């Protein structure tokens, strides 16, 4: 009985993990709006090695729960109104929020930036944005990110 439950639980975790990975890949695209792009970045193509892609994936996985929590908090504050897009590079997008929601958005932006620029990640916000842009425009790289996210999640769930 315990073994059956374990297999069933493992399958559920696998389904949840796959769903989370798909959501995370989609979120990676949305996170780019969090930091904004500067016009120099869009004109360049990023040369991304495996280490950078892995560090990018780790940062995205760390940012996602922070983003979800901030979104839920803002949703509670705003209520039934539509939640506006928050762009950390655009103060007007944050200023349109009610005061408590502004605080949540500012904390989210600060935390996301700290995650990206963590000394262990080897990333800067500019590099993170370059990678995000490249992923949006490169299906091969998008697939590599997906596989990297899968690998990282399998590694973290097996520990």
C-alpha atoms as a PDB file:
ATOM      1  CA  UNK A   1       0.000   0.000   0.000  1.00  0.00           C
ATOM      2  CA  UNK A   2       2.765   2.414   0.920  1.00  0.00           C
ATOM      3  CA  UNK A   3       4.634   1.631  -2.291  1.00  0.00           C
ATOM      4  CA  UNK A   4       1.533   2.321  -4.412  1.00  0.00           C
ATOM      5  CA  UNK A   5       1.000   5.602  -2.592  1.00  0.00           C
ATOM      6  CA  UNK A   6       4.649   6.497  -3.158  1.00  0.00           C
ATOM      7  CA  UNK A   7       4.395   5.829  -6.903  1.00  0.00           C
ATOM      8  CA  UNK A   8       1.114   7.733  -7.107  1.00  0.00           C
ATOM      9  CA  UNK A   9       2.637  10.644  -5.179  1.00  0.00           C
ATOM     10  CA  UNK A  10       5.713  10.551  -7.408  1.00  0.00           C
ATOM     11  CA  UNK A  11       3.522  10.740 -10.531  1.00  0.00           C
ATOM     12  CA  UNK A  12       1.603  13.661  -9.020  1.00  0.00           C
ATOM     13  CA  UNK A  13       4.870  15.428  -8.177  1.00  0.00           C
ATOM     14  CA  UNK A  14       6.088  14.790 -11.706  1.00  0.00           C
ATOM     15  CA  UNK A  15       2.920  16.343 -13.158  1.00  0.00           C
ATOM     16  CA  UNK A  16       3.169  19.288 -10.760  1.00  0.00           C
ATOM     17  CA  UNK A  17       6.853  19.713 -11.644  1.00  0.00           C
ATOM     18  CA  UNK A  18       6.124  19.709 -15.363  1.00  0.00           C
ATOM     19  CA  UNK A  19       3.358  22.251 -14.874  1.00  0.00           C
ATOM     20  CA  UNK A  20       5.646  24.377 -12.741  1.00  0.00           C
ATOM     21  CA  UNK A  21       8.388  24.233 -15.350  1.00  0.00           C
ATOM     22  CA  UNK A  22       6.032  25.343 -18.108  1.00  0.00           C
ATOM     23  CA  UNK A  23       4.810  28.153 -15.888  1.00  0.00           C
ATOM     24  CA  UNK A  24       8.392  29.060 -15.071  1.00  0.00           C
ATOM     25  CA  UNK A  25       9.392  29.250 -18.732  1.00  0.00           C
ATOM     26  CA  UNK A  26       6.418  31.508 -19.346  1.00  0.00           C
ATOM     27  CA  UNK A  27       7.333  33.509 -16.270  1.00  0.00           C
ATOM     28  CA  UNK A  28      10.873  33.967 -17.525  1.00  0.00           C
ATOM     29  CA  UNK A  29       9.381  35.902 -20.397  1.00  0.00           C
ATOM     30  CA  UNK A  30       7.255  37.958 -18.011  1.00  0.00           C
ATOM     31  CA  UNK A  31      10.128  38.610 -15.636  1.00  0.00           C
ATOM     32  CA  UNK A  32      11.946  40.404 -18.405  1.00  0.00           C
ATOM     33  CA  UNK A  33       9.276  43.075 -18.111  1.00  0.00           C
ATOM     34  CA  UNK A  34      10.057  43.276 -14.429  1.00  0.00           C
ATOM     35  CA  UNK A  35      13.497  44.639 -15.093  1.00  0.00           C
ATOM     36  CA  UNK A  36      12.737  46.207 -18.446  1.00  0.00           C
ATOM     37  CA  UNK A  37      14.993  46.228 -21.449  1.00  0.00           C
ATOM     38  CA  UNK A  38      17.305  48.926 -22.504  1.00  0.00           C
ATOM     39  CA  UNK A  39      17.547  49.623 -26.207  1.00  0.00           C
ATOM     40  CA  UNK A  40      21.201  48.598 -26.421  1.00  0.00           C
ATOM     41  CA  UNK A  41      20.250  45.101 -25.273  1.00  0.00           C
ATOM     42  CA  UNK A  42      17.720  44.549 -28.047  1.00  0.00           C
ATOM     43  CA  UNK A  43      20.271  45.420 -30.694  1.00  0.00           C
ATOM     44  CA  UNK A  44      22.748  42.821 -29.450  1.00  0.00           C
ATOM     45  CA  UNK A  45      22.653  39.070 -29.603  1.00  0.00           C
ATOM     46  CA  UNK A  46      23.657  37.259 -26.466  1.00  0.00           C
ATOM     47  CA  UNK A  47      26.262  34.533 -26.495  1.00  0.00           C
ATOM     48  CA  UNK A  48      25.000  32.256 -23.763  1.00  0.00           C
ATOM     49  CA  UNK A  49      26.995  29.360 -22.420  1.00  0.00           C
ATOM     50  CA  UNK A  50      25.665  26.439 -20.357  1.00  0.00           C
ATOM     51  CA  UNK A  51      26.799  27.962 -17.058  1.00  0.00           C
ATOM     52  CA  UNK A  52      24.986  31.222 -17.773  1.00  0.00           C
ATOM     53  CA  UNK A  53      21.845  29.370 -18.826  1.00  0.00           C
ATOM     54  CA  UNK A  54      21.963  27.260 -15.660  1.00  0.00           C
ATOM     55  CA  UNK A  55      22.473  30.356 -13.498  1.00  0.00           C
ATOM     56  CA  UNK A  56      19.624  32.072 -15.332  1.00  0.00           C
ATOM     57  CA  UNK A  57      17.340  29.077 -14.720  1.00  0.00           C
ATOM     58  CA  UNK A  58      18.284  29.020 -11.028  1.00  0.00           C
ATOM     59  CA  UNK A  59      17.483  32.732 -10.752  1.00  0.00           C
ATOM     60  CA  UNK A  60      14.122  32.254 -12.486  1.00  0.00           C
ATOM     61  CA  UNK A  61      13.260  29.386 -10.137  1.00  0.00           C
ATOM     62  CA  UNK A  62      14.132  31.557  -7.139  1.00  0.00           C
ATOM     63  CA  UNK A  63      12.213  34.587  -8.446  1.00  0.00           C
ATOM     64  CA  UNK A  64       9.024  32.714  -9.335  1.00  0.00           C
ATOM     65  CA  UNK A  65       7.782  32.093  -5.758  1.00  0.00           C
ATOM     66  CA  UNK A  66       8.614  35.710  -4.878  1.00  0.00           C
ATOM     67  CA  UNK A  67       6.607  36.873  -7.893  1.00  0.00           C
ATOM     68  CA  UNK A  68       3.672  34.619  -7.024  1.00  0.00           C
ATOM     69  CA  UNK A  69       3.628  35.818  -3.435  1.00  0.00           C
ATOM     70  CA  UNK A  70       3.794  39.483  -4.481  1.00  0.00           C
ATOM     71  CA  UNK A  71       1.032  38.939  -7.040  1.00  0.00           C
ATOM     72  CA  UNK A  72      -1.221  37.303  -4.423  1.00  0.00           C
ATOM     73  CA  UNK A  73      -0.567  40.083  -1.915  1.00  0.00           C
ATOM     74  CA  UNK A  74      -1.310  42.788  -4.492  1.00  0.00           C
ATOM     75  CA  UNK A  75      -4.435  40.901  -5.569  1.00  0.00           C
ATOM     76  CA  UNK A  76      -5.692  40.868  -1.960  1.00  0.00           C
ATOM     77  CA  UNK A  77      -5.028  44.603  -1.615  1.00  0.00           C
ATOM     78  CA  UNK A  78      -6.603  45.579  -4.935  1.00  0.00           C
ATOM     79  CA  UNK A  79      -9.518  43.186  -4.691  1.00  0.00           C
ATOM     80  CA  UNK A  80     -11.622  42.592  -7.772  1.00  0.00           C
ATOM     81  CA  UNK A  81      -9.878  45.240  -9.892  1.00  0.00           C
ATOM     82  CA  UNK A  82      -7.544  44.129 -12.643  1.00  0.00           C
ATOM     83  CA  UNK A  83      -3.944  44.007 -11.474  1.00  0.00           C
ATOM     84  CA  UNK A  84      -1.828  46.304 -13.613  1.00  0.00           C
ATOM     85  CA  UNK A  85       1.478  45.216 -15.104  1.00  0.00           C
ATOM     86  CA  UNK A  86       4.278  46.151 -12.732  1.00  0.00           C
ATOM     87  CA  UNK A  87       7.538  47.069 -14.427  1.00  0.00           C
ATOM     88  CA  UNK A  88      10.343  47.715 -11.953  1.00  0.00           C
ATOM     89  CA  UNK A  89      12.044  50.046 -14.445  1.00  0.00           C
ATOM     90  CA  UNK A  90       8.909  52.159 -14.799  1.00  0.00           C
ATOM     91  CA  UNK A  91       8.052  54.078 -11.608  1.00  0.00           C
ATOM     92  CA  UNK A  92       4.678  55.097 -13.052  1.00  0.00           C
ATOM     93  CA  UNK A  93       3.591  51.441 -13.210  1.00  0.00           C
ATOM     94  CA  UNK A  94       4.289  51.158  -9.481  1.00  0.00           C
ATOM     95  CA  UNK A  95       2.879  54.579  -8.614  1.00  0.00           C
ATOM     96  CA  UNK A  96      -0.505  53.587 -10.055  1.00  0.00           C
ATOM     97  CA  UNK A  97      -0.873  51.001  -7.281  1.00  0.00           C
ATOM     98  CA  UNK A  98      -2.462  51.733  -3.890  1.00  0.00           C
ATOM     99  CA  UNK A  99       0.123  52.511  -1.159  1.00  0.00           C
ATOM    100  CA  UNK A 100       0.254  49.030   0.419  1.00  0.00           C
ATOM    101  CA  UNK A 101       0.450  47.428  -3.023  1.00  0.00           C
ATOM    102  CA  UNK A 102       3.269  49.853  -3.945  1.00  0.00           C
ATOM    103  CA  UNK A 103       5.249  48.585  -0.977  1.00  0.00           C
ATOM    104  CA  UNK A 104       4.723  44.986  -2.095  1.00  0.00           C
ATOM    105  CA  UNK A 105       5.781  45.820  -5.678  1.00  0.00           C
ATOM    106  CA  UNK A 106       8.877  47.717  -4.535  1.00  0.00           C
ATOM    107  CA  UNK A 107       9.884  44.812  -2.282  1.00  0.00           C
ATOM    108  CA  UNK A 108       9.325  42.380  -5.145  1.00  0.00           C
ATOM    109  CA  UNK A 109      11.504  44.459  -7.471  1.00  0.00           C
ATOM    110  CA  UNK A 110      14.241  44.755  -4.853  1.00  0.00           C
ATOM    111  CA  UNK A 111      14.157  41.024  -4.051  1.00  0.00           C
ATOM    112  CA  UNK A 112      14.167  40.029  -7.721  1.00  0.00           C
ATOM    113  CA  UNK A 113      17.142  42.243  -8.436  1.00  0.00           C
ATOM    114  CA  UNK A 114      19.012  40.807  -5.432  1.00  0.00           C
ATOM    115  CA  UNK A 115      18.302  37.270  -6.642  1.00  0.00           C
ATOM    116  CA  UNK A 116      19.571  38.046 -10.134  1.00  0.00           C
ATOM    117  CA  UNK A 117      22.664  39.853  -8.893  1.00  0.00           C
ATOM    118  CA  UNK A 118      23.483  37.309  -6.179  1.00  0.00           C
ATOM    119  CA  UNK A 119      27.246  36.785  -6.208  1.00  0.00           C
ATOM    120  CA  UNK A 120      26.775  33.047  -6.823  1.00  0.00           C
ATOM    121  CA  UNK A 121      24.663  33.598  -9.939  1.00  0.00           C
ATOM    122  CA  UNK A 122      27.347  35.354 -11.940  1.00  0.00           C
ATOM    123  CA  UNK A 123      24.568  37.434 -13.532  1.00  0.00           C
ATOM    124  CA  UNK A 124      23.765  41.103 -13.763  1.00  0.00           C
ATOM    125  CA  UNK A 125      20.338  42.510 -14.517  1.00  0.00           C
ATOM    126  CA  UNK A 126      21.639  43.461 -17.968  1.00  0.00           C
ATOM    127  CA  UNK A 127      22.870  39.896 -18.653  1.00  0.00           C
ATOM    128  CA  UNK A 128      19.613  38.439 -17.278  1.00  0.00           C
ATOM    129  CA  UNK A 129      17.659  40.655 -19.684  1.00  0.00           C
ATOM    130  CA  UNK A 130      19.900  39.702 -22.613  1.00  0.00           C
ATOM    131  CA  UNK A 131      19.313  36.028 -21.902  1.00  0.00           C
ATOM    132  CA  UNK A 132      15.561  36.603 -21.541  1.00  0.00           C
ATOM    133  CA  UNK A 133      15.432  38.380 -24.880  1.00  0.00           C
ATOM    134  CA  UNK A 134      17.461  35.668 -26.568  1.00  0.00           C
ATOM    135  CA  UNK A 135      15.193  32.951 -25.129  1.00  0.00           C
ATOM    136  CA  UNK A 136      12.118  34.757 -26.429  1.00  0.00           C
ATOM    137  CA  UNK A 137      13.614  34.828 -29.933  1.00  0.00           C
ATOM    138  CA  UNK A 138      15.385  31.468 -30.049  1.00  0.00           C
ATOM    139  CA  UNK A 139      13.401  28.232 -29.866  1.00  0.00           C
ATOM    140  CA  UNK A 140      16.535  26.106 -29.449  1.00  0.00           C
ATOM    141  CA  UNK A 141      17.591  28.145 -26.445  1.00  0.00           C
ATOM    142  CA  UNK A 142      14.034  28.026 -25.097  1.00  0.00           C
ATOM    143  CA  UNK A 143      14.165  24.219 -25.295  1.00  0.00           C
ATOM    144  CA  UNK A 144      17.576  24.209 -23.568  1.00  0.00           C
ATOM    145  CA  UNK A 145      16.132  26.372 -20.785  1.00  0.00           C
ATOM    146  CA  UNK A 146      13.185  24.013 -20.426  1.00  0.00           C
ATOM    147  CA  UNK A 147      15.536  21.012 -20.142  1.00  0.00           C
ATOM    148  CA  UNK A 148      17.733  22.887 -17.665  1.00  0.00           C
ATOM    149  CA  UNK A 149      14.712  23.757 -15.530  1.00  0.00           C
ATOM    150  CA  UNK A 150      13.614  20.098 -15.618  1.00  0.00           C
ATOM    151  CA  UNK A 151      17.072  18.942 -14.578  1.00  0.00           C
ATOM    152  CA  UNK A 152      17.292  21.478 -11.747  1.00  0.00           C
ATOM    153  CA  UNK A 153      13.866  20.568 -10.422  1.00  0.00           C
ATOM    154  CA  UNK A 154      14.574  16.834 -10.597  1.00  0.00           C
ATOM    155  CA  UNK A 155      17.824  17.428  -8.714  1.00  0.00           C
ATOM    156  CA  UNK A 156      16.117  19.513  -6.037  1.00  0.00           C
ATOM    157  CA  UNK A 157      13.252  17.043  -5.517  1.00  0.00           C
ATOM    158  CA  UNK A 158      15.608  14.077  -5.231  1.00  0.00           C
ATOM    159  CA  UNK A 159      17.576  15.675  -2.386  1.00  0.00           C
END
